[in-house]
N, C-alpha and C. Protein backbone atom coordinates (compact mmCIF):
# COMPACT_ATOMS: atom_id res chain seq x y z
N MET A 1 17.15 50.39 -17.69
CA MET A 1 17.27 49.45 -16.68
C MET A 1 17.80 49.06 -15.46
N ALA A 2 16.42 49.56 -14.62
CA ALA A 2 17.43 49.56 -13.07
C ALA A 2 18.70 48.39 -12.56
N LYS A 3 19.71 48.96 -11.44
CA LYS A 3 20.67 48.14 -11.26
C LYS A 3 20.26 47.72 -10.06
N ALA A 4 20.42 45.97 -9.52
CA ALA A 4 20.12 46.03 -8.31
C ALA A 4 21.47 46.88 -7.07
N LYS A 5 20.85 47.05 -5.84
CA LYS A 5 21.49 48.11 -5.06
C LYS A 5 22.12 46.61 -3.93
N ARG A 6 23.57 47.72 -4.04
CA ARG A 6 24.46 46.47 -2.76
C ARG A 6 24.19 46.75 -1.97
N GLY A 7 23.97 45.18 -1.38
CA GLY A 7 23.82 45.24 0.07
C GLY A 7 22.65 44.55 -0.08
N GLN A 8 21.71 44.58 -1.94
CA GLN A 8 20.36 44.23 -1.00
C GLN A 8 20.09 42.61 -0.83
N ARG A 9 19.59 42.19 0.52
CA ARG A 9 20.17 40.87 1.18
C ARG A 9 18.67 39.84 0.19
N LYS A 10 18.88 38.60 -0.34
CA LYS A 10 17.01 38.03 -0.67
C LYS A 10 16.77 37.59 0.43
N VAL A 11 15.29 36.81 0.60
CA VAL A 11 14.92 36.40 1.20
C VAL A 11 15.11 34.95 1.53
N ASP A 12 15.18 34.24 2.57
CA ASP A 12 15.56 33.14 3.02
C ASP A 12 14.69 32.27 2.82
N GLY A 13 14.12 31.19 1.90
CA GLY A 13 12.78 31.00 1.52
C GLY A 13 12.30 29.65 2.65
N TRP A 14 13.66 29.13 2.62
CA TRP A 14 13.44 28.24 4.30
C TRP A 14 12.54 28.92 5.38
N LYS A 15 12.89 29.95 5.72
CA LYS A 15 12.44 30.69 6.81
C LYS A 15 10.98 31.00 6.99
N SER A 16 10.57 30.85 5.87
CA SER A 16 9.43 31.35 5.02
C SER A 16 8.30 29.47 5.26
N LYS A 17 9.10 28.46 5.91
CA LYS A 17 8.59 27.50 5.46
C LYS A 17 8.01 26.73 7.25
N GLN A 18 7.51 26.04 6.88
CA GLN A 18 6.10 25.81 8.45
C GLN A 18 6.60 23.50 8.51
N TRP A 19 6.89 23.48 9.42
CA TRP A 19 7.37 22.04 9.53
C TRP A 19 5.49 21.32 10.10
N TYR A 20 5.29 20.13 9.47
CA TYR A 20 4.56 19.31 9.80
C TYR A 20 5.18 18.35 10.24
N ASN A 21 4.23 17.68 11.57
CA ASN A 21 4.59 16.16 11.69
C ASN A 21 3.71 15.34 10.64
N ILE A 22 4.35 13.96 10.00
CA ILE A 22 3.29 13.18 9.02
C ILE A 22 2.83 11.86 10.57
N ILE A 23 1.81 11.99 10.90
CA ILE A 23 1.09 10.93 10.92
C ILE A 23 0.15 9.57 10.48
N THR A 24 0.13 8.80 10.41
CA THR A 24 -0.71 7.25 9.76
C THR A 24 -1.92 7.17 10.24
N PRO A 25 -2.98 6.91 9.42
CA PRO A 25 -4.12 6.54 9.91
C PRO A 25 -4.43 5.99 11.22
N GLU A 26 -5.67 6.14 11.51
CA GLU A 26 -6.07 5.08 12.31
C GLU A 26 -5.95 4.09 12.85
N MET A 27 -6.13 3.95 12.08
CA MET A 27 -6.00 2.23 12.04
C MET A 27 -4.54 1.79 11.98
N MET A 28 -3.48 2.37 11.78
CA MET A 28 -2.39 2.09 12.00
C MET A 28 -1.73 2.30 12.38
N GLY A 29 -2.32 2.76 13.72
CA GLY A 29 -2.09 3.81 15.23
C GLY A 29 -2.21 5.22 15.11
N GLN A 30 -2.24 6.13 14.43
CA GLN A 30 -1.87 7.50 14.39
C GLN A 30 -0.09 7.61 14.47
N GLN A 31 0.20 7.21 13.94
CA GLN A 31 2.08 7.31 14.75
C GLN A 31 2.67 8.57 13.78
N GLU A 32 3.50 9.52 14.77
CA GLU A 32 4.34 9.95 13.44
C GLU A 32 5.90 9.68 13.23
N ILE A 33 5.77 9.27 11.86
CA ILE A 33 6.53 8.72 11.21
C ILE A 33 7.52 9.70 10.37
N GLY A 34 7.50 10.46 10.44
CA GLY A 34 8.49 11.63 10.15
C GLY A 34 7.87 13.74 10.32
N GLU A 35 9.34 13.81 9.58
CA GLU A 35 8.13 15.47 9.37
C GLU A 35 8.06 16.28 7.45
N THR A 36 7.84 17.01 7.65
CA THR A 36 7.94 17.63 6.34
C THR A 36 7.50 19.30 5.85
N PHE A 37 8.31 20.16 5.15
CA PHE A 37 7.64 21.54 4.89
C PHE A 37 6.86 21.94 4.13
N SER A 38 6.45 22.85 4.50
CA SER A 38 5.52 23.51 3.28
C SER A 38 5.45 24.82 3.21
N ASN A 39 4.90 26.02 2.43
CA ASN A 39 5.02 27.62 2.29
C ASN A 39 3.73 27.30 3.63
N GLU A 40 2.39 26.99 2.42
CA GLU A 40 1.12 26.84 3.09
C GLU A 40 0.29 25.29 3.10
N PRO A 41 -0.27 25.46 3.81
CA PRO A 41 -0.65 23.70 4.80
C PRO A 41 -1.38 23.55 3.54
N GLU A 42 -1.92 23.97 2.67
CA GLU A 42 -2.67 23.07 1.25
C GLU A 42 -1.36 22.71 0.40
N GLN A 43 -1.04 23.37 0.41
CA GLN A 43 0.03 22.62 -0.42
C GLN A 43 0.90 20.82 -0.33
N LEU A 44 0.57 20.18 0.73
CA LEU A 44 0.26 19.12 1.89
C LEU A 44 -0.24 18.44 1.38
N LEU A 45 -1.61 18.90 0.57
CA LEU A 45 -2.47 18.07 1.00
C LEU A 45 -2.81 17.40 -0.91
N GLY A 46 -2.60 15.38 -0.78
CA GLY A 46 -2.10 14.97 -1.59
C GLY A 46 -1.03 14.14 -2.15
N ARG A 47 0.12 14.81 -1.39
CA ARG A 47 1.37 14.77 -0.98
C ARG A 47 1.43 13.25 -0.86
N VAL A 48 2.69 12.09 -1.13
CA VAL A 48 2.28 11.15 -0.97
C VAL A 48 3.71 10.37 0.00
N ILE A 49 3.43 9.22 0.95
CA ILE A 49 4.57 9.34 1.88
C ILE A 49 4.96 7.67 1.99
N GLU A 50 6.13 7.61 1.48
CA GLU A 50 6.00 5.83 1.76
C GLU A 50 6.74 5.39 3.59
N VAL A 51 6.41 4.20 3.42
CA VAL A 51 7.45 4.39 5.02
C VAL A 51 6.77 2.50 4.91
N THR A 52 7.68 1.74 5.71
CA THR A 52 8.10 0.15 5.38
C THR A 52 6.29 -0.22 6.64
N LEU A 53 6.32 -1.19 6.45
CA LEU A 53 5.76 -2.04 7.60
C LEU A 53 6.45 -1.92 8.79
N GLY A 54 7.36 -2.50 8.50
CA GLY A 54 9.15 -2.52 9.36
C GLY A 54 8.94 -1.19 10.10
N ASP A 55 9.20 0.16 9.94
CA ASP A 55 9.45 1.21 10.90
C ASP A 55 7.81 1.37 11.64
N LEU A 56 6.86 0.83 11.12
CA LEU A 56 5.87 0.83 12.53
C LEU A 56 5.77 0.28 13.30
N THR A 57 6.47 -0.78 12.88
CA THR A 57 6.17 -2.80 13.57
C THR A 57 7.20 -2.60 14.54
N ASN A 58 8.33 -2.22 14.14
CA ASN A 58 9.66 -2.20 14.66
C ASN A 58 10.01 -4.08 14.82
N ASP A 59 9.45 -4.58 13.19
CA ASP A 59 9.37 -6.16 12.97
C ASP A 59 10.52 -5.98 11.78
N MET A 60 11.80 -6.40 12.00
CA MET A 60 12.92 -6.32 10.91
C MET A 60 11.92 -7.56 10.29
N SER A 61 10.99 -8.27 9.92
CA SER A 61 10.69 -9.29 8.95
C SER A 61 9.58 -8.58 7.91
N LYS A 62 9.23 -7.35 8.03
CA LYS A 62 8.37 -6.62 7.50
C LYS A 62 8.73 -5.48 7.15
N TYR A 63 10.29 -5.27 6.65
CA TYR A 63 11.16 -4.62 5.93
C TYR A 63 10.69 -4.41 4.28
N ASN A 64 10.11 -5.76 4.45
CA ASN A 64 10.14 -5.70 2.60
C ASN A 64 8.97 -4.96 2.54
N VAL A 65 8.00 -4.39 2.86
CA VAL A 65 6.38 -3.80 2.73
C VAL A 65 6.61 -3.07 2.72
N LYS A 66 6.69 -2.07 1.71
CA LYS A 66 6.58 -0.09 1.58
C LYS A 66 5.04 0.00 1.26
N LEU A 67 4.39 1.01 2.86
CA LEU A 67 2.94 1.28 2.00
C LEU A 67 3.06 2.86 1.67
N ALA A 68 2.27 3.21 0.81
CA ALA A 68 2.38 4.83 0.52
C ALA A 68 1.01 5.71 0.91
N LEU A 69 0.94 6.57 1.92
CA LEU A 69 0.01 7.21 2.85
C LEU A 69 0.44 8.88 1.67
N LYS A 70 -1.11 8.98 1.49
CA LYS A 70 -1.67 10.25 1.37
C LYS A 70 -2.10 11.02 2.33
N VAL A 71 -1.45 12.35 1.84
CA VAL A 71 -1.86 13.50 2.91
C VAL A 71 -2.96 14.15 2.83
N ASP A 72 -4.04 13.49 3.57
CA ASP A 72 -5.75 14.21 2.71
C ASP A 72 -6.44 15.34 4.13
N GLN A 73 -5.74 15.65 5.32
CA GLN A 73 -5.91 16.14 6.11
C GLN A 73 -4.91 16.86 7.07
N ILE A 74 -5.62 18.30 7.47
CA ILE A 74 -3.99 19.09 8.11
C ILE A 74 -4.69 19.53 9.39
N GLY A 75 -4.04 19.79 10.23
CA GLY A 75 -4.42 19.92 12.12
C GLY A 75 -3.59 20.29 12.27
N GLY A 76 -3.60 22.21 12.62
CA GLY A 76 -2.30 22.39 12.95
C GLY A 76 -1.22 22.39 12.55
N ASP A 77 -0.12 21.30 13.34
CA ASP A 77 1.36 21.29 12.82
C ASP A 77 1.44 20.57 12.57
N SER A 78 -0.06 19.40 12.15
CA SER A 78 0.69 17.87 11.28
C SER A 78 -0.18 17.65 10.51
N ALA A 79 0.10 16.66 9.69
CA ALA A 79 -0.58 16.13 8.21
C ALA A 79 -0.80 14.52 8.68
N TYR A 80 -2.18 14.79 8.82
CA TYR A 80 -2.76 13.28 8.74
C TYR A 80 -2.50 12.52 7.13
N THR A 81 -2.39 11.27 7.04
CA THR A 81 -2.71 10.27 5.84
C THR A 81 -3.80 9.49 5.66
N ARG A 82 -3.58 9.02 5.20
CA ARG A 82 -5.03 7.84 4.28
C ARG A 82 -3.94 6.98 3.89
N PHE A 83 -3.67 5.82 3.59
CA PHE A 83 -3.60 4.38 2.55
C PHE A 83 -4.41 4.48 1.72
N ILE A 84 -3.08 4.56 0.54
CA ILE A 84 -3.69 4.59 -0.99
C ILE A 84 -3.52 3.20 -1.95
N GLY A 85 -1.82 2.54 -0.83
CA GLY A 85 -1.71 1.38 -1.40
C GLY A 85 -0.50 0.50 -0.91
N HIS A 86 0.07 -0.90 -1.56
CA HIS A 86 1.53 -1.26 -0.48
C HIS A 86 2.24 -1.65 -1.86
N GLU A 87 3.15 -1.98 -1.50
CA GLU A 87 3.87 -3.38 -3.13
C GLU A 87 4.89 -3.42 -1.97
N LEU A 88 5.63 -4.78 -2.60
CA LEU A 88 6.94 -5.62 -1.82
C LEU A 88 7.96 -4.87 -2.56
N THR A 89 9.01 -4.90 -1.90
CA THR A 89 9.95 -4.23 -2.32
C THR A 89 10.66 -5.55 -3.80
N ARG A 90 11.81 -4.51 -4.22
CA ARG A 90 12.48 -5.61 -5.22
C ARG A 90 13.37 -6.86 -4.82
N ASP A 91 14.29 -6.40 -4.01
CA ASP A 91 14.83 -7.12 -3.85
C ASP A 91 14.49 -8.81 -3.27
N TYR A 92 13.21 -8.02 -2.53
CA TYR A 92 12.49 -8.71 -1.68
C TYR A 92 11.69 -9.93 -2.59
N LEU A 93 10.82 -9.94 -4.27
CA LEU A 93 10.29 -10.27 -4.78
C LEU A 93 11.66 -11.32 -5.42
N ARG A 94 12.96 -10.61 -6.23
CA ARG A 94 13.67 -11.71 -6.85
C ARG A 94 13.80 -12.42 -5.81
N SER A 95 14.19 -12.35 -5.00
CA SER A 95 14.57 -13.76 -3.40
C SER A 95 12.95 -14.81 -4.32
N LEU A 96 12.12 -14.07 -4.33
CA LEU A 96 10.98 -15.78 -3.93
C LEU A 96 11.75 -16.28 -5.41
N VAL A 97 11.86 -15.90 -6.79
CA VAL A 97 11.88 -16.38 -7.87
C VAL A 97 12.68 -17.61 -7.83
N LYS A 98 12.12 -18.45 -8.36
CA LYS A 98 13.62 -19.59 -8.39
C LYS A 98 13.52 -20.48 -9.72
N ARG A 99 14.31 -21.32 -10.23
CA ARG A 99 14.40 -22.04 -11.48
C ARG A 99 13.71 -23.42 -10.93
N GLN A 100 13.02 -23.58 -12.57
CA GLN A 100 12.34 -24.81 -12.23
C GLN A 100 11.11 -24.97 -11.38
N THR A 101 9.84 -23.21 -11.52
CA THR A 101 9.08 -23.13 -10.20
C THR A 101 8.34 -22.43 -10.99
N SER A 102 7.46 -21.73 -10.86
CA SER A 102 5.84 -21.14 -11.49
C SER A 102 5.81 -20.01 -10.58
N MET A 103 5.54 -19.18 -11.62
CA MET A 103 5.29 -17.90 -10.64
C MET A 103 3.28 -16.99 -11.14
N VAL A 104 2.26 -17.42 -10.05
CA VAL A 104 1.19 -17.33 -10.88
C VAL A 104 0.46 -16.72 -10.26
N THR A 105 0.33 -14.92 -11.28
CA THR A 105 -0.23 -13.99 -10.53
C THR A 105 -1.18 -13.65 -11.59
N VAL A 106 -2.19 -12.39 -11.16
CA VAL A 106 -3.17 -12.11 -11.08
C VAL A 106 -3.68 -11.15 -10.48
N ASN A 107 -4.27 -9.96 -11.60
CA ASN A 107 -4.11 -9.06 -11.06
C ASN A 107 -5.87 -8.79 -11.09
N LEU A 108 -5.92 -8.50 -10.03
CA LEU A 108 -8.10 -8.28 -9.97
C LEU A 108 -8.38 -6.80 -9.23
N ASP A 109 -9.27 -6.17 -9.67
CA ASP A 109 -10.42 -4.90 -8.89
C ASP A 109 -11.61 -5.76 -8.59
N VAL A 110 -11.45 -5.38 -7.21
CA VAL A 110 -12.88 -6.12 -6.54
C VAL A 110 -13.17 -4.74 -5.51
N MET A 111 -14.08 -4.96 -5.05
CA MET A 111 -14.74 -3.94 -4.21
C MET A 111 -15.31 -4.77 -2.60
N THR A 112 -15.25 -3.34 -1.45
CA THR A 112 -15.14 -3.98 -0.12
C THR A 112 -16.82 -3.79 0.13
N LYS A 113 -17.23 -4.03 1.24
CA LYS A 113 -18.35 -4.02 1.23
C LYS A 113 -19.49 -2.37 1.36
N ASP A 114 -18.02 -1.79 2.40
CA ASP A 114 -18.35 -0.73 2.15
C ASP A 114 -17.99 0.22 0.98
N GLY A 115 -17.44 -0.09 -0.02
CA GLY A 115 -17.96 0.73 -1.36
C GLY A 115 -16.23 1.23 -2.43
N TYR A 116 -15.25 0.57 -1.92
CA TYR A 116 -13.64 1.15 -1.99
C TYR A 116 -13.39 -0.40 -3.12
N LYS A 117 -13.29 0.44 -4.38
CA LYS A 117 -12.53 0.03 -4.70
C LYS A 117 -11.26 -0.86 -4.85
N PHE A 118 -10.29 -1.59 -5.09
CA PHE A 118 -8.81 -1.74 -5.00
C PHE A 118 -8.90 -2.96 -6.53
N ARG A 119 -7.50 -2.43 -6.81
CA ARG A 119 -6.69 -3.21 -7.35
C ARG A 119 -5.87 -4.20 -7.24
N VAL A 120 -5.91 -5.53 -6.37
CA VAL A 120 -4.58 -6.44 -5.87
C VAL A 120 -3.80 -7.19 -7.07
N LYS A 121 -2.57 -7.57 -6.59
CA LYS A 121 -2.25 -8.52 -7.29
C LYS A 121 -1.82 -10.07 -6.30
N PRO A 122 -2.88 -10.62 -5.95
CA PRO A 122 -1.91 -11.80 -5.53
C PRO A 122 -1.61 -12.87 -6.23
N THR A 123 -0.61 -13.29 -5.79
CA THR A 123 0.70 -14.40 -6.31
C THR A 123 1.18 -15.51 -5.69
N CYS A 124 1.43 -16.62 -6.19
CA CYS A 124 1.41 -18.02 -6.30
C CYS A 124 2.81 -18.41 -6.58
N PHE A 125 3.78 -19.17 -5.84
CA PHE A 125 5.04 -19.18 -5.69
C PHE A 125 5.29 -20.79 -5.69
N THR A 126 5.50 -21.44 -6.58
CA THR A 126 5.30 -23.16 -6.55
C THR A 126 6.14 -23.57 -5.90
N VAL A 127 6.02 -25.47 -5.46
CA VAL A 127 6.82 -25.40 -5.02
C VAL A 127 7.92 -26.32 -6.26
N LYS A 128 7.32 -26.49 -8.21
CA LYS A 128 7.38 -27.53 -8.86
C LYS A 128 6.95 -26.54 -10.46
N ARG A 129 7.59 -26.70 -11.17
CA ARG A 129 6.50 -25.90 -12.45
C ARG A 129 5.26 -26.66 -12.92
N ALA A 130 4.22 -25.41 -12.82
CA ALA A 130 3.02 -25.98 -13.57
C ALA A 130 2.80 -26.22 -14.25
N ARG A 131 2.17 -26.76 -14.58
CA ARG A 131 1.79 -27.00 -16.00
C ARG A 131 0.62 -25.80 -16.19
N SER A 132 -0.26 -25.72 -17.37
CA SER A 132 -1.32 -24.58 -18.08
C SER A 132 -2.50 -24.55 -17.50
N SER A 133 -2.48 -25.71 -17.33
CA SER A 133 -3.79 -26.38 -17.18
C SER A 133 -3.81 -25.43 -15.08
N GLN A 134 -3.15 -26.59 -14.89
CA GLN A 134 -2.67 -26.08 -12.89
C GLN A 134 -2.68 -24.60 -12.76
N ILE A 135 -1.88 -24.37 -13.78
CA ILE A 135 -1.96 -22.57 -13.60
C ILE A 135 -3.45 -21.62 -13.69
N LYS A 136 -3.49 -21.99 -14.05
CA LYS A 136 -5.08 -21.39 -14.47
C LYS A 136 -6.24 -21.89 -12.85
N ALA A 137 -6.07 -23.18 -12.76
CA ALA A 137 -6.72 -23.15 -11.69
C ALA A 137 -6.54 -22.51 -10.34
N ILE A 138 -5.20 -22.50 -9.98
CA ILE A 138 -4.99 -21.36 -9.56
C ILE A 138 -5.03 -20.36 -9.28
N ARG A 139 -5.53 -19.58 -10.42
CA ARG A 139 -5.35 -17.89 -10.72
C ARG A 139 -6.88 -17.95 -10.17
N GLN A 140 -8.29 -19.35 -11.11
CA GLN A 140 -9.49 -19.21 -10.83
C GLN A 140 -9.41 -19.24 -9.44
N TYR A 141 -9.01 -19.94 -8.44
CA TYR A 141 -8.86 -20.07 -6.80
C TYR A 141 -8.63 -18.80 -5.92
N MET A 142 -7.24 -18.32 -6.69
CA MET A 142 -7.04 -17.00 -6.30
C MET A 142 -7.82 -15.63 -6.38
N THR A 143 -8.71 -15.76 -7.26
CA THR A 143 -9.69 -15.26 -8.05
C THR A 143 -11.01 -14.87 -6.80
N ALA A 144 -11.62 -15.72 -7.12
CA ALA A 144 -12.34 -16.41 -5.78
C ALA A 144 -12.16 -16.10 -4.39
N ILE A 145 -10.79 -16.41 -4.52
CA ILE A 145 -10.63 -16.33 -2.36
C ILE A 145 -10.52 -14.67 -2.54
N VAL A 146 -9.68 -13.58 -2.76
CA VAL A 146 -9.96 -12.57 -2.71
C VAL A 146 -11.34 -12.23 -3.00
N GLN A 147 -11.51 -12.17 -3.79
CA GLN A 147 -12.95 -11.35 -4.04
C GLN A 147 -14.20 -11.95 -3.08
N GLU A 148 -14.28 -12.71 -2.68
CA GLU A 148 -14.85 -13.44 -1.48
C GLU A 148 -14.02 -12.68 -0.31
N ARG A 149 -13.53 -12.31 -0.21
CA ARG A 149 -12.73 -11.50 0.89
C ARG A 149 -12.83 -10.18 1.16
N ALA A 150 -12.94 -9.26 -0.39
CA ALA A 150 -13.86 -8.11 -0.84
C ALA A 150 -14.42 -7.84 0.30
N ARG A 151 -15.33 -8.84 -0.43
CA ARG A 151 -17.09 -8.25 -0.35
C ARG A 151 -17.40 -8.56 0.82
N GLU A 152 -16.49 -9.26 1.82
CA GLU A 152 -17.14 -9.59 3.29
C GLU A 152 -16.84 -8.48 3.96
N SER A 153 -15.58 -7.72 3.78
CA SER A 153 -14.81 -6.82 4.72
C SER A 153 -15.18 -4.92 4.30
N ASP A 154 -14.79 -4.84 5.01
CA ASP A 154 -14.56 -3.78 5.30
C ASP A 154 -13.16 -2.53 4.90
N PHE A 155 -12.97 -1.44 4.26
CA PHE A 155 -12.09 -1.04 4.44
C PHE A 155 -10.82 -1.55 5.10
N ASN A 156 -10.79 -0.96 6.06
CA ASN A 156 -9.88 -1.32 7.19
C ASN A 156 -9.35 -2.69 7.86
N THR A 157 -10.82 -3.51 7.34
CA THR A 157 -10.58 -5.26 7.63
C THR A 157 -9.43 -6.20 6.05
N PHE A 158 -9.51 -5.03 5.45
CA PHE A 158 -9.20 -5.74 4.05
C PHE A 158 -7.89 -4.89 3.78
N VAL A 159 -7.73 -4.43 3.88
CA VAL A 159 -6.19 -3.48 4.50
C VAL A 159 -5.08 -4.24 4.64
N GLN A 160 -5.92 -4.15 6.05
CA GLN A 160 -4.72 -4.57 7.11
C GLN A 160 -4.39 -5.97 6.85
N ASP A 161 -5.42 -7.29 6.51
CA ASP A 161 -5.50 -8.56 6.06
C ASP A 161 -4.74 -8.83 4.80
N THR A 162 -4.42 -7.59 3.92
CA THR A 162 -4.04 -7.59 2.67
C THR A 162 -2.16 -7.45 3.23
N VAL A 163 -2.16 -6.09 3.57
CA VAL A 163 -0.48 -6.19 4.38
C VAL A 163 -0.41 -6.92 5.29
N LEU A 164 -0.66 -7.06 6.15
CA LEU A 164 -0.16 -7.80 7.41
C LEU A 164 -0.16 -9.64 6.80
N GLY A 165 -0.08 -9.95 5.62
CA GLY A 165 -0.68 -11.36 5.69
C GLY A 165 -1.37 -12.60 5.19
N LYS A 166 -2.54 -11.99 5.98
CA LYS A 166 -3.57 -13.06 6.77
C LYS A 166 -4.73 -13.10 4.75
N LEU A 167 -4.84 -12.43 4.13
CA LEU A 167 -5.31 -12.95 3.20
C LEU A 167 -4.17 -13.68 2.13
N SER A 168 -3.23 -13.25 2.05
CA SER A 168 -2.31 -14.63 1.61
C SER A 168 -2.17 -16.36 2.14
N ALA A 169 -2.33 -16.26 3.60
CA ALA A 169 -2.51 -17.13 4.18
C ALA A 169 -3.34 -17.63 4.34
N GLN A 170 -4.57 -17.22 3.95
CA GLN A 170 -5.49 -17.63 3.47
C GLN A 170 -5.38 -18.86 1.81
N ILE A 171 -5.17 -17.93 0.89
CA ILE A 171 -4.83 -18.11 0.35
C ILE A 171 -4.01 -19.44 -0.21
N TYR A 172 -3.22 -19.03 0.65
CA TYR A 172 -1.84 -20.48 0.86
C TYR A 172 -2.92 -21.86 1.37
N ARG A 173 -3.37 -21.95 2.11
CA ARG A 173 -4.15 -22.69 2.51
C ARG A 173 -5.15 -23.44 1.83
N ASN A 174 -5.80 -22.52 0.60
CA ASN A 174 -7.22 -23.58 0.06
C ASN A 174 -6.16 -23.69 -1.55
N VAL A 175 -5.19 -22.84 -1.76
CA VAL A 175 -4.57 -23.60 -2.60
C VAL A 175 -3.43 -24.87 -2.89
N LYS A 176 -3.06 -24.97 -1.92
CA LYS A 176 -2.00 -25.65 -1.48
C LYS A 176 -2.97 -27.25 -1.89
N THR A 177 -4.05 -27.35 -1.55
CA THR A 177 -4.95 -28.39 -1.98
C THR A 177 -4.88 -29.02 -3.15
N LEU A 178 -4.42 -27.86 -3.97
CA LEU A 178 -4.47 -28.26 -5.29
C LEU A 178 -3.35 -28.16 -5.69
N TYR A 179 -2.04 -27.57 -5.37
CA TYR A 179 -1.34 -27.79 -6.14
C TYR A 179 0.06 -26.71 -4.89
N PRO A 180 1.17 -28.11 -4.77
CA PRO A 180 2.05 -27.81 -3.79
C PRO A 180 2.72 -26.40 -4.21
N LEU A 181 2.48 -26.16 -2.88
CA LEU A 181 3.21 -24.04 -3.22
C LEU A 181 4.39 -23.66 -2.16
N ARG A 182 4.94 -22.88 -2.84
CA ARG A 182 6.73 -22.47 -1.62
C ARG A 182 5.99 -21.21 -0.63
N ARG A 183 5.26 -20.57 -1.70
CA ARG A 183 4.58 -19.35 -0.89
C ARG A 183 3.35 -18.02 -1.03
N VAL A 184 3.14 -17.72 -0.56
CA VAL A 184 1.56 -16.41 -1.35
C VAL A 184 1.88 -14.94 -1.14
N GLU A 185 1.61 -14.11 -1.21
CA GLU A 185 2.28 -12.71 -1.46
C GLU A 185 1.25 -12.11 -2.23
N ILE A 186 1.00 -10.59 -2.00
CA ILE A 186 -0.03 -9.83 -1.83
C ILE A 186 0.95 -8.91 -2.61
N LEU A 187 1.06 -9.05 -3.95
CA LEU A 187 2.71 -8.12 -4.42
C LEU A 187 2.62 -6.54 -4.48
N LYS A 188 1.27 -6.47 -4.69
CA LYS A 188 0.68 -4.89 -4.56
C LYS A 188 -0.95 -4.54 -4.37
N SER A 189 -1.08 -3.34 -4.13
CA SER A 189 -2.31 -3.57 -3.54
C SER A 189 -2.65 -2.01 -3.90
N HIS A 190 -3.50 -1.17 -4.73
CA HIS A 190 -3.83 0.02 -4.66
C HIS A 190 -5.51 0.79 -4.42
N VAL A 191 -5.43 1.89 -3.75
CA VAL A 191 -7.29 1.83 -4.13
C VAL A 191 -7.76 2.95 -4.89
N LEU A 192 -8.62 2.62 -5.71
CA LEU A 192 -8.73 2.77 -7.19
C LEU A 192 -9.35 4.30 -6.66
N ALA A 193 -10.75 3.91 -5.89
CA ALA A 193 -11.29 4.47 -5.94
C ALA A 193 -12.37 4.20 -4.77
N GLU A 194 -13.08 5.98 -4.03
CA GLU A 194 -13.55 5.56 -2.91
C GLU A 194 -15.11 5.45 -3.16
N PRO A 195 -16.16 5.27 -1.78
CA PRO A 195 -17.42 5.49 -1.92
C PRO A 195 -18.14 7.03 -2.22
N SER A 196 -18.79 6.81 -3.39
CA SER A 196 -19.41 7.78 -3.67
C SER A 196 -19.77 8.48 -2.53
N VAL A 197 -20.45 8.45 -2.07
CA VAL A 197 -20.98 8.69 -0.24
C VAL A 197 -19.66 9.83 -0.10
N ARG A 198 -19.31 9.37 0.25
CA ARG A 198 -17.91 10.20 0.54
C ARG A 198 -16.94 11.69 -0.60
N GLU A 199 -17.26 11.01 -1.22
CA GLU A 199 -16.57 11.61 -2.52
C GLU A 199 -17.25 13.13 -2.46
N ALA A 200 -19.11 12.95 -2.62
CA ALA A 200 -19.59 13.45 -2.51
C ALA A 200 -19.53 14.79 -1.51
N ALA A 201 -19.26 13.91 -0.38
CA ALA A 201 -18.88 15.36 0.83
C ALA A 201 -17.86 15.70 0.60
N ALA A 202 -16.78 15.39 0.10
CA ALA A 202 -15.13 15.63 -0.04
C ALA A 202 -14.96 17.42 -0.43
């Protein structure tokens, strides 16, 4: 077995890596939100980046919303991303749960008018504890509202409505006539599938 020669220097792996600027999707202003490195640009494809909505908007009230962005294109020294989902932070969710009240949640798979399939988790927080029949009615209202909103919206509009609170506000306005609510939130969203036309072109 050959012995290693004295004085032989190891190649510094860091020197062979290149840094790339992470860019948000166009609907989020294509902002530069940080840097990442890789030996080859192809290795960045599919990498998931987390950023809060507060970081993008400089709004302190939005730091409880976490966005998941996936790198899907490399151009020069930039890594461009697309939206794949969001969720609320656990600390914020715990602050919404109160004793003697109800947390009414439904998991829905919906499709936008341009063919994107989403899984969303709208949730109503009531003023007082609701009966099982009232909880069932609240779920039915939420389901109908979210499904209709998705059918009428394209991808960008549905993402913005979900993340920025417009969909929550619509649910609140409609459901509060059925039962008193403290708050409505979309706890999570996730892109399950893209249109078949785009998949075929990829």
